[in-house]
């Protein structure tokens, strides 16, 4: 009985499940996804119509955060290191 209570409690605390899912991830993955809880939770809620029995923990377990991070451009990930190596093109039309 206590296990059912704890799993039910965990499902009512989606932020806790989200934080726990990010614990084993690399720092850059955690830093990118921590402020995106609402986006992922809304994605989970939208998917409930197709899979009404899926829990938020199960949804998070099916996400490969590292691969998903790779789908974003470097600028979306906050990586501007390429700009420091190659400066922006300057305009020659400055009079």
PDB file of N, CA and C in Angstrom:
ATOM      1  N   UNK A   1       0.812  -1.206   0.000  1.00  0.00           N
ATOM      2  CA  UNK A   1       0.000   0.000   0.000  1.00  0.00           C
ATOM      3  C   UNK A   1       0.852   1.265   0.000  1.00  0.00           C
ATOM      4  N   UNK A   2       1.953   1.364   0.756  1.00  0.00           N
ATOM      5  CA  UNK A   2       2.740   2.589   0.730  1.00  0.00           C
ATOM      6  C   UNK A   2       3.327   2.896  -0.643  1.00  0.00           C
ATOM      7  N   UNK A   3       3.655   1.852  -1.430  1.00  0.00           N
ATOM      8  CA  UNK A   3       4.224   2.099  -2.753  1.00  0.00           C
ATOM      9  C   UNK A   3       3.201   2.789  -3.643  1.00  0.00           C
ATOM     10  N   UNK A   4       1.951   2.357  -3.603  1.00  0.00           N
ATOM     11  CA  UNK A   4       0.911   2.990  -4.399  1.00  0.00           C
ATOM     12  C   UNK A   4       0.712   4.440  -3.975  1.00  0.00           C
ATOM     13  N   UNK A   5       0.751   4.676  -2.676  1.00  0.00           N
ATOM     14  CA  UNK A   5       0.621   6.038  -2.189  1.00  0.00           C
ATOM     15  C   UNK A   5       1.758   6.905  -2.714  1.00  0.00           C
ATOM     16  N   UNK A   6       2.987   6.396  -2.653  1.00  0.00           N
ATOM     17  CA  UNK A   6       4.137   7.178  -3.108  1.00  0.00           C
ATOM     18  C   UNK A   6       4.097   7.418  -4.603  1.00  0.00           C
ATOM     19  N   UNK A   7       3.712   6.439  -5.388  1.00  0.00           N
ATOM     20  CA  UNK A   7       3.648   6.651  -6.833  1.00  0.00           C
ATOM     21  C   UNK A   7       2.533   7.634  -7.168  1.00  0.00           C
ATOM     22  N   UNK A   8       1.414   7.556  -6.472  1.00  0.00           N
ATOM     23  CA  UNK A   8       0.343   8.522  -6.686  1.00  0.00           C
ATOM     24  C   UNK A   8       0.757   9.923  -6.293  1.00  0.00           C
ATOM     25  N   UNK A   9       1.487  10.023  -5.185  1.00  0.00           N
ATOM     26  CA  UNK A   9       1.988  11.326  -4.754  1.00  0.00           C
ATOM     27  C   UNK A   9       2.961  11.888  -5.777  1.00  0.00           C
ATOM     28  N   UNK A  10       3.828  11.034  -6.318  1.00  0.00           N
ATOM     29  CA  UNK A  10       4.813  11.491  -7.298  1.00  0.00           C
ATOM     30  C   UNK A  10       4.114  12.024  -8.541  1.00  0.00           C
ATOM     31  N   UNK A  11       3.043  11.392  -8.951  1.00  0.00           N
ATOM     32  CA  UNK A  11       2.329  11.850 -10.139  1.00  0.00           C
ATOM     33  C   UNK A  11       1.629  13.187  -9.910  1.00  0.00           C
ATOM     34  N   UNK A  12       1.362  13.532  -8.650  1.00  0.00           N
ATOM     35  CA  UNK A  12       0.753  14.837  -8.386  1.00  0.00           C
ATOM     36  C   UNK A  12       1.809  15.919  -8.258  1.00  0.00           C
ATOM     37  N   UNK A  13       3.077  15.546  -8.293  1.00  0.00           N
ATOM     38  CA  UNK A  13       4.186  16.487  -8.193  1.00  0.00           C
ATOM     39  C   UNK A  13       5.044  16.401  -9.460  1.00  0.00           C
ATOM     40  N   UNK A  14       4.539  16.913 -10.580  1.00  0.00           N
ATOM     41  CA  UNK A  14       5.273  16.741 -11.840  1.00  0.00           C
ATOM     42  C   UNK A  14       6.636  17.434 -11.850  1.00  0.00           C
ATOM     43  N   UNK A  15       6.782  18.533 -11.132  1.00  0.00           N
ATOM     44  CA  UNK A  15       8.102  19.196 -11.099  1.00  0.00           C
ATOM     45  C   UNK A  15       9.149  18.311 -10.435  1.00  0.00           C
ATOM     46  N   UNK A  16       8.754  17.575  -9.426  1.00  0.00           N
ATOM     47  CA  UNK A  16       9.678  16.656  -8.772  1.00  0.00           C
ATOM     48  C   UNK A  16      10.099  15.532  -9.702  1.00  0.00           C
ATOM     49  N   UNK A  17       9.142  14.995 -10.459  1.00  0.00           N
ATOM     50  CA  UNK A  17       9.470  13.959 -11.438  1.00  0.00           C
ATOM     51  C   UNK A  17      10.403  14.504 -12.510  1.00  0.00           C
ATOM     52  N   UNK A  18      10.136  15.722 -12.924  1.00  0.00           N
ATOM     53  CA  UNK A  18      10.959  16.363 -13.953  1.00  0.00           C
ATOM     54  C   UNK A  18      12.385  16.559 -13.448  1.00  0.00           C
ATOM     55  N   UNK A  19      12.522  17.048 -12.233  1.00  0.00           N
ATOM     56  CA  UNK A  19      13.856  17.243 -11.655  1.00  0.00           C
ATOM     57  C   UNK A  19      14.588  15.919 -11.517  1.00  0.00           C
ATOM     58  N   UNK A  20      13.874  14.898 -11.103  1.00  0.00           N
ATOM     59  CA  UNK A  20      14.492  13.583 -10.959  1.00  0.00           C
ATOM     60  C   UNK A  20      14.937  13.027 -12.314  1.00  0.00           C
ATOM     61  N   UNK A  21      14.159  13.276 -13.375  1.00  0.00           N
ATOM     62  CA  UNK A  21      14.515  12.801 -14.710  1.00  0.00           C
ATOM     63  C   UNK A  21      15.782  13.489 -15.223  1.00  0.00           C
ATOM     64  N   UNK A  22      16.016  14.723 -14.773  1.00  0.00           N
ATOM     65  CA  UNK A  22      17.192  15.471 -15.232  1.00  0.00           C
ATOM     66  C   UNK A  22      18.443  15.182 -14.416  1.00  0.00           C
ATOM     67  N   UNK A  23      18.309  14.495 -13.282  1.00  0.00           N
ATOM     68  CA  UNK A  23      19.454  14.262 -12.399  1.00  0.00           C
ATOM     69  C   UNK A  23      20.620  13.559 -13.076  1.00  0.00           C
ATOM     70  N   UNK A  24      20.368  12.564 -13.882  1.00  0.00           N
ATOM     71  CA  UNK A  24      21.444  11.795 -14.486  1.00  0.00           C
ATOM     72  C   UNK A  24      21.980  12.384 -15.782  1.00  0.00           C
ATOM     73  N   UNK A  25      21.502  13.550 -16.156  1.00  0.00           N
ATOM     74  CA  UNK A  25      21.902  14.147 -17.431  1.00  0.00           C
ATOM     75  C   UNK A  25      23.170  14.994 -17.282  1.00  0.00           C
ATOM     76  N   UNK A  26      23.820  15.241 -18.424  1.00  0.00           N
ATOM     77  CA  UNK A  26      24.984  16.138 -18.440  1.00  0.00           C
ATOM     78  C   UNK A  26      24.542  17.554 -18.064  1.00  0.00           C
ATOM     79  N   UNK A  27      25.485  18.353 -17.602  1.00  0.00           N
ATOM     80  CA  UNK A  27      25.179  19.704 -17.131  1.00  0.00           C
ATOM     81  C   UNK A  27      24.515  20.554 -18.214  1.00  0.00           C
ATOM     82  N   UNK A  28      25.028  20.504 -19.455  1.00  0.00           N
ATOM     83  CA  UNK A  28      24.442  21.336 -20.512  1.00  0.00           C
ATOM     84  C   UNK A  28      23.015  20.902 -20.836  1.00  0.00           C
ATOM     85  N   UNK A  29      22.716  19.621 -20.692  1.00  0.00           N
ATOM     86  CA  UNK A  29      21.353  19.132 -20.913  1.00  0.00           C
ATOM     87  C   UNK A  29      20.444  19.630 -19.795  1.00  0.00           C
ATOM     88  N   UNK A  30      20.908  19.504 -18.551  1.00  0.00           N
ATOM     89  CA  UNK A  30      20.112  19.998 -17.411  1.00  0.00           C
ATOM     90  C   UNK A  30      19.869  21.494 -17.526  1.00  0.00           C
ATOM     91  N   UNK A  31      20.922  22.242 -17.836  1.00  0.00           N
ATOM     92  CA  UNK A  31      20.789  23.701 -17.927  1.00  0.00           C
ATOM     93  C   UNK A  31      19.806  24.112 -19.016  1.00  0.00           C
ATOM     94  N   UNK A  32      19.765  23.350 -20.111  1.00  0.00           N
ATOM     95  CA  UNK A  32      18.863  23.697 -21.203  1.00  0.00           C
ATOM     96  C   UNK A  32      17.418  23.362 -20.864  1.00  0.00           C
ATOM     97  N   UNK A  33      17.183  22.198 -20.270  1.00  0.00           N
ATOM     98  CA  UNK A  33      15.807  21.737 -20.061  1.00  0.00           C
ATOM     99  C   UNK A  33      15.174  22.205 -18.752  1.00  0.00           C
ATOM    100  N   UNK A  34      15.941  22.565 -17.742  1.00  0.00           N
ATOM    101  CA  UNK A  34      15.346  22.991 -16.470  1.00  0.00           C
ATOM    102  C   UNK A  34      14.327  24.116 -16.635  1.00  0.00           C
ATOM    103  N   UNK A  35      14.625  25.169 -17.411  1.00  0.00           N
ATOM    104  CA  UNK A  35      13.601  26.217 -17.550  1.00  0.00           C
ATOM    105  C   UNK A  35      12.480  25.859 -18.532  1.00  0.00           C
ATOM    106  N   UNK A  36      12.523  24.687 -19.135  1.00  0.00           N
ATOM    107  CA  UNK A  36      11.521  24.290 -20.126  1.00  0.00           C
ATOM    108  C   UNK A  36      10.528  23.260 -19.597  1.00  0.00           C
ATOM    109  N   UNK A  37      10.325  23.251 -18.303  1.00  0.00           N
ATOM    110  CA  UNK A  37       9.368  22.318 -17.699  1.00  0.00           C
ATOM    111  C   UNK A  37       7.989  22.491 -18.316  1.00  0.00           C
ATOM    112  N   UNK A  38       7.513  23.725 -18.427  1.00  0.00           N
ATOM    113  CA  UNK A  38       6.158  23.972 -18.926  1.00  0.00           C
ATOM    114  C   UNK A  38       5.978  23.462 -20.347  1.00  0.00           C
ATOM    115  N   UNK A  39       6.989  23.645 -21.196  1.00  0.00           N
ATOM    116  CA  UNK A  39       6.896  23.164 -22.577  1.00  0.00           C
ATOM    117  C   UNK A  39       6.720  21.646 -22.613  1.00  0.00           C
ATOM    118  N   UNK A  40       7.535  20.939 -21.838  1.00  0.00           N
ATOM    119  CA  UNK A  40       7.452  19.480 -21.830  1.00  0.00           C
ATOM    120  C   UNK A  40       6.168  18.991 -21.173  1.00  0.00           C
ATOM    121  N   UNK A  41       5.736  19.662 -20.126  1.00  0.00           N
ATOM    122  CA  UNK A  41       4.496  19.249 -19.457  1.00  0.00           C
ATOM    123  C   UNK A  41       3.303  19.462 -20.387  1.00  0.00           C
ATOM    124  N   UNK A  42       3.306  20.568 -21.129  1.00  0.00           N
ATOM    125  CA  UNK A  42       2.222  20.804 -22.088  1.00  0.00           C
ATOM    126  C   UNK A  42       2.257  19.775 -23.215  1.00  0.00           C
ATOM    127  N   UNK A  43       3.439  19.361 -23.630  1.00  0.00           N
ATOM    128  CA  UNK A  43       3.563  18.304 -24.638  1.00  0.00           C
ATOM    129  C   UNK A  43       2.973  16.995 -24.103  1.00  0.00           C
ATOM    130  N   UNK A  44       3.250  16.705 -22.840  1.00  0.00           N
ATOM    131  CA  UNK A  44       2.678  15.510 -22.195  1.00  0.00           C
ATOM    132  C   UNK A  44       1.155  15.598 -22.159  1.00  0.00           C
ATOM    133  N   UNK A  45       0.626  16.747 -21.753  1.00  0.00           N
ATOM    134  CA  UNK A  45      -0.827  16.910 -21.673  1.00  0.00           C
ATOM    135  C   UNK A  45      -1.475  16.774 -23.051  1.00  0.00           C
ATOM    136  N   UNK A  46      -0.825  17.293 -24.077  1.00  0.00           N
ATOM    137  CA  UNK A  46      -1.365  17.176 -25.431  1.00  0.00           C
ATOM    138  C   UNK A  46      -1.382  15.725 -25.893  1.00  0.00           C
ATOM    139  N   UNK A  47      -0.424  14.933 -25.459  1.00  0.00           N
ATOM    140  CA  UNK A  47      -0.360  13.528 -25.846  1.00  0.00           C
ATOM    141  C   UNK A  47      -1.308  12.630 -25.085  1.00  0.00           C
ATOM    142  N   UNK A  48      -1.951  13.146 -24.039  1.00  0.00           N
ATOM    143  CA  UNK A  48      -2.875  12.320 -23.251  1.00  0.00           C
ATOM    144  C   UNK A  48      -4.084  11.866 -24.053  1.00  0.00           C
ATOM    145  N   UNK A  49      -4.473  12.626 -25.068  1.00  0.00           N
ATOM    146  CA  UNK A  49      -5.612  12.216 -25.890  1.00  0.00           C
ATOM    147  C   UNK A  49      -5.302  10.907 -26.611  1.00  0.00           C
ATOM    148  N   UNK A  50      -4.060  10.740 -27.063  1.00  0.00           N
ATOM    149  CA  UNK A  50      -3.669   9.528 -27.774  1.00  0.00           C
ATOM    150  C   UNK A  50      -3.336   8.392 -26.808  1.00  0.00           C
ATOM    151  N   UNK A  51      -2.769   8.724 -25.652  1.00  0.00           N
ATOM    152  CA  UNK A  51      -2.375   7.717 -24.664  1.00  0.00           C
ATOM    153  C   UNK A  51      -2.859   8.143 -23.275  1.00  0.00           C
ATOM    154  N   UNK A  52      -4.133   7.951 -22.983  1.00  0.00           N
ATOM    155  CA  UNK A  52      -4.692   8.458 -21.719  1.00  0.00           C
ATOM    156  C   UNK A  52      -4.134   7.786 -20.465  1.00  0.00           C
ATOM    157  N   UNK A  53      -3.558   6.606 -20.584  1.00  0.00           N
ATOM    158  CA  UNK A  53      -3.037   5.902 -19.413  1.00  0.00           C
ATOM    159  C   UNK A  53      -1.585   6.246 -19.108  1.00  0.00           C
ATOM    160  N   UNK A  54      -0.942   7.012 -19.970  1.00  0.00           N
ATOM    161  CA  UNK A  54       0.469   7.309 -19.759  1.00  0.00           C
ATOM    162  C   UNK A  54       0.653   8.306 -18.618  1.00  0.00           C
ATOM    163  N   UNK A  55       1.594   8.002 -17.749  1.00  0.00           N
ATOM    164  CA  UNK A  55       1.906   8.908 -16.642  1.00  0.00           C
ATOM    165  C   UNK A  55       2.970   9.899 -17.091  1.00  0.00           C
ATOM    166  N   UNK A  56       3.114  10.970 -16.351  1.00  0.00           N
ATOM    167  CA  UNK A  56       4.145  11.958 -16.684  1.00  0.00           C
ATOM    168  C   UNK A  56       5.530  11.348 -16.522  1.00  0.00           C
ATOM    169  N   UNK A  57       5.704  10.506 -15.525  1.00  0.00           N
ATOM    170  CA  UNK A  57       6.980   9.819 -15.338  1.00  0.00           C
ATOM    171  C   UNK A  57       7.310   8.919 -16.520  1.00  0.00           C
ATOM    172  N   UNK A  58       6.303   8.222 -17.034  1.00  0.00           N
ATOM    173  CA  UNK A  58       6.496   7.382 -18.211  1.00  0.00           C
ATOM    174  C   UNK A  58       6.838   8.199 -19.439  1.00  0.00           C
ATOM    175  N   UNK A  59       6.195   9.351 -19.566  1.00  0.00           N
ATOM    176  CA  UNK A  59       6.486  10.258 -20.677  1.00  0.00           C
ATOM    177  C   UNK A  59       7.932  10.727 -20.612  1.00  0.00           C
ATOM    178  N   UNK A  60       8.364  11.138 -19.424  1.00  0.00           N
ATOM    179  CA  UNK A  60       9.744  11.602 -19.262  1.00  0.00           C
ATOM    180  C   UNK A  60      10.746  10.482 -19.498  1.00  0.00           C
ATOM    181  N   UNK A  61      10.384   9.273 -19.108  1.00  0.00           N
ATOM    182  CA  UNK A  61      11.265   8.133 -19.316  1.00  0.00           C
ATOM    183  C   UNK A  61      11.480   7.814 -20.786  1.00  0.00           C
ATOM    184  N   UNK A  62      10.542   8.206 -21.627  1.00  0.00           N
ATOM    185  CA  UNK A  62      10.650   7.959 -23.058  1.00  0.00           C
ATOM    186  C   UNK A  62      11.409   9.031 -23.817  1.00  0.00           C
ATOM    187  N   UNK A  63      11.856  10.066 -23.122  1.00  0.00           N
ATOM    188  CA  UNK A  63      12.572  11.158 -23.786  1.00  0.00           C
ATOM    189  C   UNK A  63      14.075  10.933 -23.662  1.00  0.00           C
ATOM    190  N   UNK A  64      14.772  11.003 -24.773  1.00  0.00           N
ATOM    191  CA  UNK A  64      16.231  11.004 -24.756  1.00  0.00           C
ATOM    192  C   UNK A  64      16.648  12.472 -24.792  1.00  0.00           C
ATOM    193  N   UNK A  65      16.933  13.032 -23.628  1.00  0.00           N
ATOM    194  CA  UNK A  65      17.201  14.465 -23.520  1.00  0.00           C
ATOM    195  C   UNK A  65      18.419  14.883 -24.338  1.00  0.00           C
ATOM    196  N   UNK A  66      19.449  14.073 -24.384  1.00  0.00           N
ATOM    197  CA  UNK A  66      20.652  14.429 -25.142  1.00  0.00           C
ATOM    198  C   UNK A  66      20.355  14.526 -26.634  1.00  0.00           C
ATOM    199  N   UNK A  67      19.626  13.545 -27.158  1.00  0.00           N
ATOM    200  CA  UNK A  67      19.269  13.595 -28.578  1.00  0.00           C
ATOM    201  C   UNK A  67      18.346  14.768 -28.879  1.00  0.00           C
ATOM    202  N   UNK A  68      17.441  15.013 -27.965  1.00  0.00           N
ATOM    203  CA  UNK A  68      16.504  16.120 -28.178  1.00  0.00           C
ATOM    204  C   UNK A  68      17.226  17.463 -28.163  1.00  0.00           C
ATOM    205  N   UNK A  69      18.228  17.588 -27.306  1.00  0.00           N
ATOM    206  CA  UNK A  69      19.014  18.817 -27.267  1.00  0.00           C
ATOM    207  C   UNK A  69      19.717  19.034 -28.594  1.00  0.00           C
ATOM    208  N   UNK A  70      20.171  17.951 -29.219  1.00  0.00           N
ATOM    209  CA  UNK A  70      20.861  18.051 -30.494  1.00  0.00           C
ATOM    210  C   UNK A  70      19.991  18.535 -31.635  1.00  0.00           C
ATOM    211  N   UNK A  71      18.670  18.503 -31.474  1.00  0.00           N
ATOM    212  CA  UNK A  71      17.778  18.978 -32.532  1.00  0.00           C
ATOM    213  C   UNK A  71      17.669  20.497 -32.559  1.00  0.00           C
ATOM    214  N   UNK A  72      18.151  21.169 -31.525  1.00  0.00           N
ATOM    215  CA  UNK A  72      18.097  22.627 -31.476  1.00  0.00           C
ATOM    216  C   UNK A  72      19.375  23.211 -32.067  1.00  0.00           C
ATOM    217  N   UNK A  73      19.257  24.389 -32.656  1.00  0.00           N
ATOM    218  CA  UNK A  73      20.436  25.046 -33.224  1.00  0.00           C
ATOM    219  C   UNK A  73      21.344  25.503 -32.078  1.00  0.00           C
ATOM    220  N   UNK A  74      22.619  25.758 -32.376  1.00  0.00           N
ATOM    221  CA  UNK A  74      23.526  26.229 -31.317  1.00  0.00           C
ATOM    222  C   UNK A  74      23.021  27.513 -30.645  1.00  0.00           C
ATOM    223  N   UNK A  75      22.419  28.408 -31.408  1.00  0.00           N
ATOM    224  CA  UNK A  75      21.904  29.649 -30.823  1.00  0.00           C
ATOM    225  C   UNK A  75      20.739  29.367 -29.887  1.00  0.00           C
ATOM    226  N   UNK A  76      19.876  28.417 -30.244  1.00  0.00           N
ATOM    227  CA  UNK A  76      18.755  28.060 -29.378  1.00  0.00           C
ATOM    228  C   UNK A  76      19.246  27.408 -28.090  1.00  0.00           C
ATOM    229  N   UNK A  77      20.379  26.709 -28.184  1.00  0.00           N
ATOM    230  CA  UNK A  77      20.947  26.064 -26.999  1.00  0.00           C
ATOM    231  C   UNK A  77      21.749  27.048 -26.156  1.00  0.00           C
ATOM    232  N   UNK A  78      21.961  28.266 -26.663  1.00  0.00           N
ATOM    233  CA  UNK A  78      22.743  29.250 -25.921  1.00  0.00           C
ATOM    234  C   UNK A  78      24.224  29.133 -26.173  1.00  0.00           C
ATOM    235  N   UNK A  79      24.601  28.433 -27.231  1.00  0.00           N
ATOM    236  CA  UNK A  79      26.007  28.247 -27.571  1.00  0.00           C
ATOM    237  C   UNK A  79      26.401  29.264 -28.639  1.00  0.00           C
ATOM    238  N   UNK A  80      27.141  30.242 -28.241  1.00  0.00           N
ATOM    239  CA  UNK A  80      27.604  31.269 -29.162  1.00  0.00           C
ATOM    240  C   UNK A  80      29.115  31.197 -29.353  1.00  0.00           C
ATOM    241  N   UNK A  81      29.709  30.029 -29.112  1.00  0.00           N
ATOM    242  CA  UNK A  81      31.157  29.893 -29.209  1.00  0.00           C
ATOM    243  C   UNK A  81      31.648  30.104 -30.635  1.00  0.00           C
ATOM    244  N   UNK A  82      30.847  29.767 -31.635  1.00  0.00           N
ATOM    245  CA  UNK A  82      31.274  29.947 -33.027  1.00  0.00           C
ATOM    246  C   UNK A  82      31.449  31.420 -33.350  1.00  0.00           C
ATOM    247  N   UNK A  83      30.703  32.271 -32.720  1.00  0.00           N
ATOM    248  CA  UNK A  83      30.829  33.710 -32.980  1.00  0.00           C
ATOM    249  C   UNK A  83      32.149  34.261 -32.477  1.00  0.00           C
ATOM    250  N   UNK A  84      32.675  33.690 -31.431  1.00  0.00           N
ATOM    251  CA  UNK A  84      33.945  34.201 -30.921  1.00  0.00           C
ATOM    252  C   UNK A  84      35.095  33.760 -31.807  1.00  0.00           C
ATOM    253  N   UNK A  85      34.945  32.630 -32.492  1.00  0.00           N
ATOM    254  CA  UNK A  85      36.001  32.154 -33.375  1.00  0.00           C
ATOM    255  C   UNK A  85      35.929  32.807 -34.749  1.00  0.00           C
ATOM    256  N   UNK A  86      34.742  33.104 -35.219  1.00  0.00           N
ATOM    257  CA  UNK A  86      34.571  33.758 -36.510  1.00  0.00           C
ATOM    258  C   UNK A  86      33.716  35.005 -36.309  1.00  0.00           C
ATOM    259  N   UNK A  87      34.313  36.154 -36.389  1.00  0.00           N
ATOM    260  CA  UNK A  87      33.546  37.381 -36.163  1.00  0.00           C
ATOM    261  C   UNK A  87      32.494  37.593 -37.249  1.00  0.00           C
ATOM    262  N   UNK A  88      31.469  38.347 -36.917  1.00  0.00           N
ATOM    263  CA  UNK A  88      30.420  38.649 -37.872  1.00  0.00           C
ATOM    264  C   UNK A  88      30.974  39.434 -39.048  1.00  0.00           C
ATOM    265  N   UNK A  89      30.343  39.277 -40.185  1.00  0.00           N
ATOM    266  CA  UNK A  89      30.758  40.024 -41.374  1.00  0.00           C
ATOM    267  C   UNK A  89      30.402  41.478 -41.184  1.00  0.00           C
ATOM    268  N   UNK A  90      31.329  42.313 -41.456  1.00  0.00           N
ATOM    269  CA  UNK A  90      31.094  43.756 -41.330  1.00  0.00           C
ATOM    270  C   UNK A  90      30.605  44.305 -42.669  1.00  0.00           C
ATOM    271  N   UNK A  91      29.785  45.287 -42.615  1.00  0.00           N
ATOM    272  CA  UNK A  91      29.260  45.900 -43.819  1.00  0.00           C
ATOM    273  C   UNK A  91      30.271  46.890 -44.382  1.00  0.00           C
ATOM    274  N   UNK A  92      30.463  46.848 -45.689  1.00  0.00           N
ATOM    275  CA  UNK A  92      31.379  47.779 -46.337  1.00  0.00           C
ATOM    276  C   UNK A  92      30.643  49.052 -46.768  1.00  0.00           C
ATOM    277  N   UNK A  93      29.363  49.127 -46.473  1.00  0.00           N
ATOM    278  CA  UNK A  93      28.583  50.277 -46.893  1.00  0.00           C
ATOM    279  C   UNK A  93      28.488  51.340 -45.812  1.00  0.00           C
ATOM    280  N   UNK A  94      29.285  51.266 -44.799  1.00  0.00           N
ATOM    281  CA  UNK A  94      29.276  52.289 -43.757  1.00  0.00           C
ATOM    282  C   UNK A  94      30.033  53.515 -44.263  1.00  0.00           C
ATOM    283  N   UNK A  95      29.350  54.591 -44.472  1.00  0.00           N
ATOM    284  CA  UNK A  95      30.000  55.821 -44.959  1.00  0.00           C
ATOM    285  C   UNK A  95      30.291  56.742 -43.819  1.00  0.00           C
TER     286      UNK A  95
END
